[in-house]
């Protein structure tokens, strides 16, 4: 037997599948996106950008009239509905409500969000004379609170570090930033990454499991300080990726 022969693997040896390209993301263009808290600056900005990119978007609010008014203002085929209807009609539901109402809102919508892919982008922050600072919820983060309150939903976290001013500005064609996406199921994370990538200039970057959401949410306090010091609308870029 030659050295070449001895190096050959048995004919029945399993063939290892090639590693998946991390940028091979699913097509999400046909999914309906609901935005809870879609009448606030961040929610409106995300709704506008996604709809402008061709996504079907429904804005949710506690008051259907407010949601419909915001949708009409934004255009691009966006619809407005009361939060529960928005949740039921959507495939992906972005949670962009104020931190103070986060828990109660999700608790009330638990049944409407069963089986839904939920994307939490809420940042628990406090403010005092020194500026913004991060709060730490009992569950660890806003995203982990969402996961605890929505046991039958697929909870991810993303879209924390976006400037509402830039998102809502119709004169800006591209949003120069990366979106850190966290979640427990890789397939769900990839859907959210792909959704972020629908917005020109934006990338969705896998950033770990939900247990890492606190530091991602907390970083917004630092970005607020950056923006105030430099009169900017700072975002994030992940290098070498």
C-alpha atoms as a PDB file:
ATOM      1  CA  UNK A   1       0.000   0.000   0.000  1.00  0.00           C
ATOM      2  CA  UNK A   2       1.373   3.377  -0.950  1.00  0.00           C
ATOM      3  CA  UNK A   3       1.224   6.482   1.212  1.00  0.00           C
ATOM      4  CA  UNK A   4      -1.368   7.848  -1.200  1.00  0.00           C
ATOM      5  CA  UNK A   5      -3.576   4.796  -0.711  1.00  0.00           C
ATOM      6  CA  UNK A   6      -3.319   4.980   3.082  1.00  0.00           C
ATOM      7  CA  UNK A   7      -4.483   8.598   3.059  1.00  0.00           C
ATOM      8  CA  UNK A   8      -7.688   7.800   1.207  1.00  0.00           C
ATOM      9  CA  UNK A   9     -10.903   7.856   3.250  1.00  0.00           C
ATOM     10  CA  UNK A  10     -13.301   4.884   3.238  1.00  0.00           C
ATOM     11  CA  UNK A  11     -15.875   5.057   0.461  1.00  0.00           C
ATOM     12  CA  UNK A  12     -18.737   5.237   2.966  1.00  0.00           C
ATOM     13  CA  UNK A  13     -17.216   8.078   5.016  1.00  0.00           C
ATOM     14  CA  UNK A  14     -19.675  11.018   5.417  1.00  0.00           C
ATOM     15  CA  UNK A  15     -18.892  14.055   3.302  1.00  0.00           C
ATOM     16  CA  UNK A  16     -18.706  17.228   5.337  1.00  0.00           C
ATOM     17  CA  UNK A  17     -20.977  19.928   3.970  1.00  0.00           C
ATOM     18  CA  UNK A  18     -19.244  23.168   3.031  1.00  0.00           C
ATOM     19  CA  UNK A  19     -19.644  26.016   5.476  1.00  0.00           C
ATOM     20  CA  UNK A  20     -22.664  28.214   4.770  1.00  0.00           C
ATOM     21  CA  UNK A  21     -21.882  31.643   3.393  1.00  0.00           C
ATOM     22  CA  UNK A  22     -22.939  34.043   6.200  1.00  0.00           C
ATOM     23  CA  UNK A  23     -24.147  36.510   3.567  1.00  0.00           C
ATOM     24  CA  UNK A  24     -26.441  33.942   1.947  1.00  0.00           C
ATOM     25  CA  UNK A  25     -29.633  35.395   3.401  1.00  0.00           C
ATOM     26  CA  UNK A  26     -33.281  34.575   2.632  1.00  0.00           C
ATOM     27  CA  UNK A  27     -35.607  36.551   0.377  1.00  0.00           C
ATOM     28  CA  UNK A  28     -37.902  38.525   2.674  1.00  0.00           C
ATOM     29  CA  UNK A  29     -39.427  40.827   0.069  1.00  0.00           C
ATOM     30  CA  UNK A  30     -42.841  39.164   0.297  1.00  0.00           C
ATOM     31  CA  UNK A  31     -43.192  39.369   4.086  1.00  0.00           C
ATOM     32  CA  UNK A  32     -45.507  41.854   5.799  1.00  0.00           C
ATOM     33  CA  UNK A  33     -43.785  43.960   8.452  1.00  0.00           C
ATOM     34  CA  UNK A  34     -45.749  45.448  11.349  1.00  0.00           C
ATOM     35  CA  UNK A  35     -44.306  48.245  13.472  1.00  0.00           C
ATOM     36  CA  UNK A  36     -45.736  48.556  16.978  1.00  0.00           C
ATOM     37  CA  UNK A  37     -45.163  52.097  18.135  1.00  0.00           C
ATOM     38  CA  UNK A  38     -45.121  53.132  14.509  1.00  0.00           C
ATOM     39  CA  UNK A  39     -46.351  56.640  15.277  1.00  0.00           C
ATOM     40  CA  UNK A  40     -43.194  57.496  17.263  1.00  0.00           C
ATOM     41  CA  UNK A  41     -40.021  58.810  15.574  1.00  0.00           C
ATOM     42  CA  UNK A  42     -38.084  55.522  15.442  1.00  0.00           C
ATOM     43  CA  UNK A  43     -41.104  53.458  14.428  1.00  0.00           C
ATOM     44  CA  UNK A  44     -42.160  55.928  11.741  1.00  0.00           C
ATOM     45  CA  UNK A  45     -38.617  56.104  10.417  1.00  0.00           C
ATOM     46  CA  UNK A  46     -38.277  52.332  10.134  1.00  0.00           C
ATOM     47  CA  UNK A  47     -41.718  52.013   8.556  1.00  0.00           C
ATOM     48  CA  UNK A  48     -40.842  54.675   6.002  1.00  0.00           C
ATOM     49  CA  UNK A  49     -37.480  53.158   5.068  1.00  0.00           C
ATOM     50  CA  UNK A  50     -38.792  49.607   4.730  1.00  0.00           C
ATOM     51  CA  UNK A  51     -41.822  50.677   2.701  1.00  0.00           C
ATOM     52  CA  UNK A  52     -39.649  52.867   0.501  1.00  0.00           C
ATOM     53  CA  UNK A  53     -37.516  49.761  -0.161  1.00  0.00           C
ATOM     54  CA  UNK A  54     -40.620  47.885  -1.337  1.00  0.00           C
ATOM     55  CA  UNK A  55     -41.670  46.084   1.848  1.00  0.00           C
ATOM     56  CA  UNK A  56     -45.357  45.856   2.781  1.00  0.00           C
ATOM     57  CA  UNK A  57     -45.647  47.733   6.090  1.00  0.00           C
ATOM     58  CA  UNK A  58     -48.429  48.183   8.651  1.00  0.00           C
ATOM     59  CA  UNK A  59     -48.061  50.796  11.387  1.00  0.00           C
ATOM     60  CA  UNK A  60     -49.559  49.894  14.758  1.00  0.00           C
ATOM     61  CA  UNK A  61     -50.734  52.195  17.532  1.00  0.00           C
ATOM     62  CA  UNK A  62     -53.008  52.016  20.558  1.00  0.00           C
ATOM     63  CA  UNK A  63     -55.346  54.275  18.561  1.00  0.00           C
ATOM     64  CA  UNK A  64     -56.154  53.126  15.028  1.00  0.00           C
ATOM     65  CA  UNK A  65     -56.863  56.716  13.970  1.00  0.00           C
ATOM     66  CA  UNK A  66     -53.341  57.818  14.905  1.00  0.00           C
ATOM     67  CA  UNK A  67     -51.866  54.872  13.038  1.00  0.00           C
ATOM     68  CA  UNK A  68     -53.865  55.616   9.900  1.00  0.00           C
ATOM     69  CA  UNK A  69     -52.912  59.295  10.026  1.00  0.00           C
ATOM     70  CA  UNK A  70     -49.205  58.412  10.312  1.00  0.00           C
ATOM     71  CA  UNK A  71     -49.505  55.905   7.478  1.00  0.00           C
ATOM     72  CA  UNK A  72     -51.161  58.460   5.218  1.00  0.00           C
ATOM     73  CA  UNK A  73     -48.433  60.971   6.035  1.00  0.00           C
ATOM     74  CA  UNK A  74     -45.668  58.501   5.134  1.00  0.00           C
ATOM     75  CA  UNK A  75     -47.244  57.115   1.955  1.00  0.00           C
ATOM     76  CA  UNK A  76     -45.541  54.268   0.030  1.00  0.00           C
ATOM     77  CA  UNK A  77     -48.549  52.004   0.567  1.00  0.00           C
ATOM     78  CA  UNK A  78     -48.162  51.918   4.355  1.00  0.00           C
ATOM     79  CA  UNK A  79     -51.331  51.014   6.269  1.00  0.00           C
ATOM     80  CA  UNK A  80     -52.300  51.951   9.808  1.00  0.00           C
ATOM     81  CA  UNK A  81     -54.141  49.809  12.343  1.00  0.00           C
ATOM     82  CA  UNK A  82     -54.664  49.275  16.045  1.00  0.00           C
ATOM     83  CA  UNK A  83     -51.783  47.324  17.616  1.00  0.00           C
ATOM     84  CA  UNK A  84     -53.575  43.973  17.849  1.00  0.00           C
ATOM     85  CA  UNK A  85     -54.672  44.052  14.203  1.00  0.00           C
ATOM     86  CA  UNK A  86     -51.190  45.123  13.150  1.00  0.00           C
ATOM     87  CA  UNK A  87     -49.689  42.150  15.003  1.00  0.00           C
ATOM     88  CA  UNK A  88     -52.169  39.650  13.567  1.00  0.00           C
ATOM     89  CA  UNK A  89     -51.703  40.763   9.961  1.00  0.00           C
ATOM     90  CA  UNK A  90     -47.897  40.858  10.018  1.00  0.00           C
ATOM     91  CA  UNK A  91     -45.267  38.166   9.494  1.00  0.00           C
ATOM     92  CA  UNK A  92     -42.544  40.178  11.238  1.00  0.00           C
ATOM     93  CA  UNK A  93     -43.406  42.565  14.064  1.00  0.00           C
ATOM     94  CA  UNK A  94     -40.956  45.297  15.076  1.00  0.00           C
ATOM     95  CA  UNK A  95     -41.428  46.571  18.640  1.00  0.00           C
ATOM     96  CA  UNK A  96     -40.578  50.284  18.752  1.00  0.00           C
ATOM     97  CA  UNK A  97     -42.674  51.402  21.718  1.00  0.00           C
ATOM     98  CA  UNK A  98     -41.349  53.585  24.573  1.00  0.00           C
ATOM     99  CA  UNK A  99     -39.539  51.595  27.255  1.00  0.00           C
ATOM    100  CA  UNK A 100     -42.038  52.721  29.886  1.00  0.00           C
ATOM    101  CA  UNK A 101     -44.863  50.899  28.087  1.00  0.00           C
ATOM    102  CA  UNK A 102     -42.838  47.970  26.729  1.00  0.00           C
ATOM    103  CA  UNK A 103     -43.911  45.262  29.155  1.00  0.00           C
ATOM    104  CA  UNK A 104     -47.595  46.156  29.296  1.00  0.00           C
ATOM    105  CA  UNK A 105     -47.851  46.464  25.521  1.00  0.00           C
ATOM    106  CA  UNK A 106     -46.356  43.048  24.855  1.00  0.00           C
ATOM    107  CA  UNK A 107     -48.304  41.390  27.641  1.00  0.00           C
ATOM    108  CA  UNK A 108     -51.541  42.668  26.119  1.00  0.00           C
ATOM    109  CA  UNK A 109     -50.545  41.392  22.656  1.00  0.00           C
ATOM    110  CA  UNK A 110     -49.272  37.958  23.696  1.00  0.00           C
ATOM    111  CA  UNK A 111     -52.026  36.045  21.888  1.00  0.00           C
ATOM    112  CA  UNK A 112     -51.825  38.222  18.783  1.00  0.00           C
ATOM    113  CA  UNK A 113     -48.067  37.608  18.543  1.00  0.00           C
ATOM    114  CA  UNK A 114     -48.165  33.807  18.815  1.00  0.00           C
ATOM    115  CA  UNK A 115     -45.921  32.328  16.119  1.00  0.00           C
ATOM    116  CA  UNK A 116     -44.728  35.735  14.939  1.00  0.00           C
ATOM    117  CA  UNK A 117     -41.130  36.771  14.422  1.00  0.00           C
ATOM    118  CA  UNK A 118     -40.753  39.669  16.866  1.00  0.00           C
ATOM    119  CA  UNK A 119     -37.899  42.174  16.497  1.00  0.00           C
ATOM    120  CA  UNK A 120     -37.358  44.210  19.657  1.00  0.00           C
ATOM    121  CA  UNK A 121     -35.511  47.511  19.157  1.00  0.00           C
ATOM    122  CA  UNK A 122     -36.369  49.165  22.470  1.00  0.00           C
ATOM    123  CA  UNK A 123     -33.577  50.788  24.474  1.00  0.00           C
ATOM    124  CA  UNK A 124     -34.140  51.026  28.249  1.00  0.00           C
ATOM    125  CA  UNK A 125     -32.620  54.408  29.108  1.00  0.00           C
ATOM    126  CA  UNK A 126     -32.752  56.933  31.889  1.00  0.00           C
ATOM    127  CA  UNK A 127     -31.837  60.609  31.722  1.00  0.00           C
ATOM    128  CA  UNK A 128     -30.455  62.998  34.314  1.00  0.00           C
ATOM    129  CA  UNK A 129     -28.366  66.184  34.334  1.00  0.00           C
ATOM    130  CA  UNK A 130     -25.326  64.135  33.228  1.00  0.00           C
ATOM    131  CA  UNK A 131     -27.128  62.818  30.155  1.00  0.00           C
ATOM    132  CA  UNK A 132     -28.413  59.410  29.065  1.00  0.00           C
ATOM    133  CA  UNK A 133     -27.597  56.209  30.939  1.00  0.00           C
ATOM    134  CA  UNK A 134     -28.567  52.576  30.496  1.00  0.00           C
ATOM    135  CA  UNK A 135     -31.165  50.851  32.641  1.00  0.00           C
ATOM    136  CA  UNK A 136     -30.986  47.098  33.235  1.00  0.00           C
ATOM    137  CA  UNK A 137     -34.373  45.350  33.348  1.00  0.00           C
ATOM    138  CA  UNK A 138     -34.908  42.504  35.766  1.00  0.00           C
ATOM    139  CA  UNK A 139     -34.840  40.042  32.828  1.00  0.00           C
ATOM    140  CA  UNK A 140     -31.493  41.445  31.643  1.00  0.00           C
ATOM    141  CA  UNK A 141     -32.610  43.518  28.659  1.00  0.00           C
ATOM    142  CA  UNK A 142     -35.699  44.706  26.823  1.00  0.00           C
ATOM    143  CA  UNK A 143     -35.290  41.843  24.348  1.00  0.00           C
ATOM    144  CA  UNK A 144     -35.089  39.262  27.135  1.00  0.00           C
ATOM    145  CA  UNK A 145     -38.160  40.798  28.748  1.00  0.00           C
ATOM    146  CA  UNK A 146     -39.945  40.390  25.419  1.00  0.00           C
ATOM    147  CA  UNK A 147     -38.860  36.754  25.214  1.00  0.00           C
ATOM    148  CA  UNK A 148     -40.160  36.116  28.740  1.00  0.00           C
ATOM    149  CA  UNK A 149     -43.507  37.769  27.996  1.00  0.00           C
ATOM    150  CA  UNK A 150     -43.922  36.122  24.580  1.00  0.00           C
ATOM    151  CA  UNK A 151     -43.064  32.435  25.090  1.00  0.00           C
ATOM    152  CA  UNK A 152     -44.858  31.420  21.878  1.00  0.00           C
ATOM    153  CA  UNK A 153     -43.181  34.043  19.676  1.00  0.00           C
ATOM    154  CA  UNK A 154     -39.739  34.018  18.041  1.00  0.00           C
ATOM    155  CA  UNK A 155     -37.992  36.979  19.635  1.00  0.00           C
ATOM    156  CA  UNK A 156     -34.937  38.692  18.169  1.00  0.00           C
ATOM    157  CA  UNK A 157     -33.304  42.073  18.809  1.00  0.00           C
ATOM    158  CA  UNK A 158     -32.169  44.618  16.198  1.00  0.00           C
ATOM    159  CA  UNK A 159     -32.406  48.224  14.903  1.00  0.00           C
ATOM    160  CA  UNK A 160     -31.248  49.808  18.184  1.00  0.00           C
ATOM    161  CA  UNK A 161     -28.666  52.279  16.917  1.00  0.00           C
ATOM    162  CA  UNK A 162     -30.545  54.107  14.174  1.00  0.00           C
ATOM    163  CA  UNK A 163     -31.131  57.840  13.999  1.00  0.00           C
ATOM    164  CA  UNK A 164     -34.817  58.641  13.634  1.00  0.00           C
ATOM    165  CA  UNK A 165     -33.840  61.976  12.075  1.00  0.00           C
ATOM    166  CA  UNK A 166     -31.972  60.237   9.247  1.00  0.00           C
ATOM    167  CA  UNK A 167     -34.599  57.524   8.813  1.00  0.00           C
ATOM    168  CA  UNK A 168     -37.380  60.078   8.345  1.00  0.00           C
ATOM    169  CA  UNK A 169     -35.460  62.415   6.026  1.00  0.00           C
ATOM    170  CA  UNK A 170     -36.740  61.866   2.445  1.00  0.00           C
ATOM    171  CA  UNK A 171     -33.692  63.644   1.023  1.00  0.00           C
ATOM    172  CA  UNK A 172     -31.384  60.867   2.293  1.00  0.00           C
ATOM    173  CA  UNK A 173     -31.186  57.893  -0.066  1.00  0.00           C
ATOM    174  CA  UNK A 174     -28.883  55.617   1.956  1.00  0.00           C
ATOM    175  CA  UNK A 175     -28.529  54.957   5.691  1.00  0.00           C
ATOM    176  CA  UNK A 176     -24.822  54.446   6.336  1.00  0.00           C
ATOM    177  CA  UNK A 177     -24.862  51.999   9.220  1.00  0.00           C
ATOM    178  CA  UNK A 178     -24.789  48.370  10.314  1.00  0.00           C
ATOM    179  CA  UNK A 179     -27.544  46.746  12.374  1.00  0.00           C
ATOM    180  CA  UNK A 180     -26.539  44.303  15.094  1.00  0.00           C
ATOM    181  CA  UNK A 181     -28.994  41.387  15.162  1.00  0.00           C
ATOM    182  CA  UNK A 182     -29.312  39.003  18.116  1.00  0.00           C
ATOM    183  CA  UNK A 183     -31.425  35.890  18.601  1.00  0.00           C
ATOM    184  CA  UNK A 184     -31.581  32.272  19.633  1.00  0.00           C
ATOM    185  CA  UNK A 185     -32.445  30.734  16.237  1.00  0.00           C
ATOM    186  CA  UNK A 186     -30.037  31.387  13.391  1.00  0.00           C
ATOM    187  CA  UNK A 187     -32.757  31.188  10.723  1.00  0.00           C
ATOM    188  CA  UNK A 188     -34.767  33.923  12.478  1.00  0.00           C
ATOM    189  CA  UNK A 189     -31.674  36.102  12.847  1.00  0.00           C
ATOM    190  CA  UNK A 190     -30.966  35.723   9.124  1.00  0.00           C
ATOM    191  CA  UNK A 191     -34.487  36.872   8.253  1.00  0.00           C
ATOM    192  CA  UNK A 192     -33.921  40.038  10.291  1.00  0.00           C
ATOM    193  CA  UNK A 193     -30.487  40.527   8.750  1.00  0.00           C
ATOM    194  CA  UNK A 194     -32.067  40.270   5.315  1.00  0.00           C
ATOM    195  CA  UNK A 195     -34.770  42.747   6.301  1.00  0.00           C
ATOM    196  CA  UNK A 196     -32.142  45.272   7.407  1.00  0.00           C
ATOM    197  CA  UNK A 197     -30.327  44.730   4.129  1.00  0.00           C
ATOM    198  CA  UNK A 198     -33.415  45.822   2.201  1.00  0.00           C
ATOM    199  CA  UNK A 199     -32.653  49.398   3.243  1.00  0.00           C
ATOM    200  CA  UNK A 200     -29.941  50.905   0.991  1.00  0.00           C
ATOM    201  CA  UNK A 201     -26.648  51.434   2.803  1.00  0.00           C
ATOM    202  CA  UNK A 202     -27.593  49.173   5.704  1.00  0.00           C
ATOM    203  CA  UNK A 203     -26.320  45.713   6.643  1.00  0.00           C
ATOM    204  CA  UNK A 204     -27.604  43.261   9.234  1.00  0.00           C
ATOM    205  CA  UNK A 205     -24.763  41.705  11.266  1.00  0.00           C
ATOM    206  CA  UNK A 206     -25.160  38.621  13.476  1.00  0.00           C
ATOM    207  CA  UNK A 207     -24.142  39.722  16.981  1.00  0.00           C
ATOM    208  CA  UNK A 208     -24.900  36.723  19.218  1.00  0.00           C
ATOM    209  CA  UNK A 209     -27.714  35.444  21.380  1.00  0.00           C
ATOM    210  CA  UNK A 210     -30.311  37.419  23.311  1.00  0.00           C
ATOM    211  CA  UNK A 211     -28.239  37.271  26.488  1.00  0.00           C
ATOM    212  CA  UNK A 212     -25.960  39.827  24.811  1.00  0.00           C
ATOM    213  CA  UNK A 213     -28.768  42.286  24.128  1.00  0.00           C
ATOM    214  CA  UNK A 214     -28.185  44.462  27.205  1.00  0.00           C
ATOM    215  CA  UNK A 215     -24.860  45.839  26.036  1.00  0.00           C
ATOM    216  CA  UNK A 216     -26.262  46.470  22.545  1.00  0.00           C
ATOM    217  CA  UNK A 217     -29.230  48.377  23.999  1.00  0.00           C
ATOM    218  CA  UNK A 218     -26.981  50.214  26.473  1.00  0.00           C
ATOM    219  CA  UNK A 219     -24.641  51.449  23.740  1.00  0.00           C
ATOM    220  CA  UNK A 220     -27.368  53.860  22.640  1.00  0.00           C
ATOM    221  CA  UNK A 221     -26.572  55.984  25.714  1.00  0.00           C
ATOM    222  CA  UNK A 222     -23.028  56.376  24.406  1.00  0.00           C
ATOM    223  CA  UNK A 223     -24.251  57.267  20.922  1.00  0.00           C
ATOM    224  CA  UNK A 224     -26.496  59.961  22.401  1.00  0.00           C
ATOM    225  CA  UNK A 225     -23.409  61.460  24.041  1.00  0.00           C
ATOM    226  CA  UNK A 226     -21.536  61.282  20.717  1.00  0.00           C
ATOM    227  CA  UNK A 227     -24.392  63.010  18.917  1.00  0.00           C
ATOM    228  CA  UNK A 228     -24.643  65.797  21.467  1.00  0.00           C
ATOM    229  CA  UNK A 229     -20.910  66.465  21.467  1.00  0.00           C
ATOM    230  CA  UNK A 230     -20.448  66.429  17.701  1.00  0.00           C
ATOM    231  CA  UNK A 231     -23.905  67.619  16.593  1.00  0.00           C
ATOM    232  CA  UNK A 232     -24.236  64.399  14.619  1.00  0.00           C
ATOM    233  CA  UNK A 233     -26.525  61.418  13.971  1.00  0.00           C
ATOM    234  CA  UNK A 234     -23.962  58.687  14.620  1.00  0.00           C
ATOM    235  CA  UNK A 235     -24.400  55.050  13.634  1.00  0.00           C
ATOM    236  CA  UNK A 236     -22.148  51.988  13.755  1.00  0.00           C
ATOM    237  CA  UNK A 237     -20.010  50.123  11.233  1.00  0.00           C
ATOM    238  CA  UNK A 238     -18.479  46.702  11.949  1.00  0.00           C
ATOM    239  CA  UNK A 239     -15.070  46.490  10.264  1.00  0.00           C
ATOM    240  CA  UNK A 240     -13.446  43.495   8.553  1.00  0.00           C
ATOM    241  CA  UNK A 241     -16.799  41.779   7.975  1.00  0.00           C
END
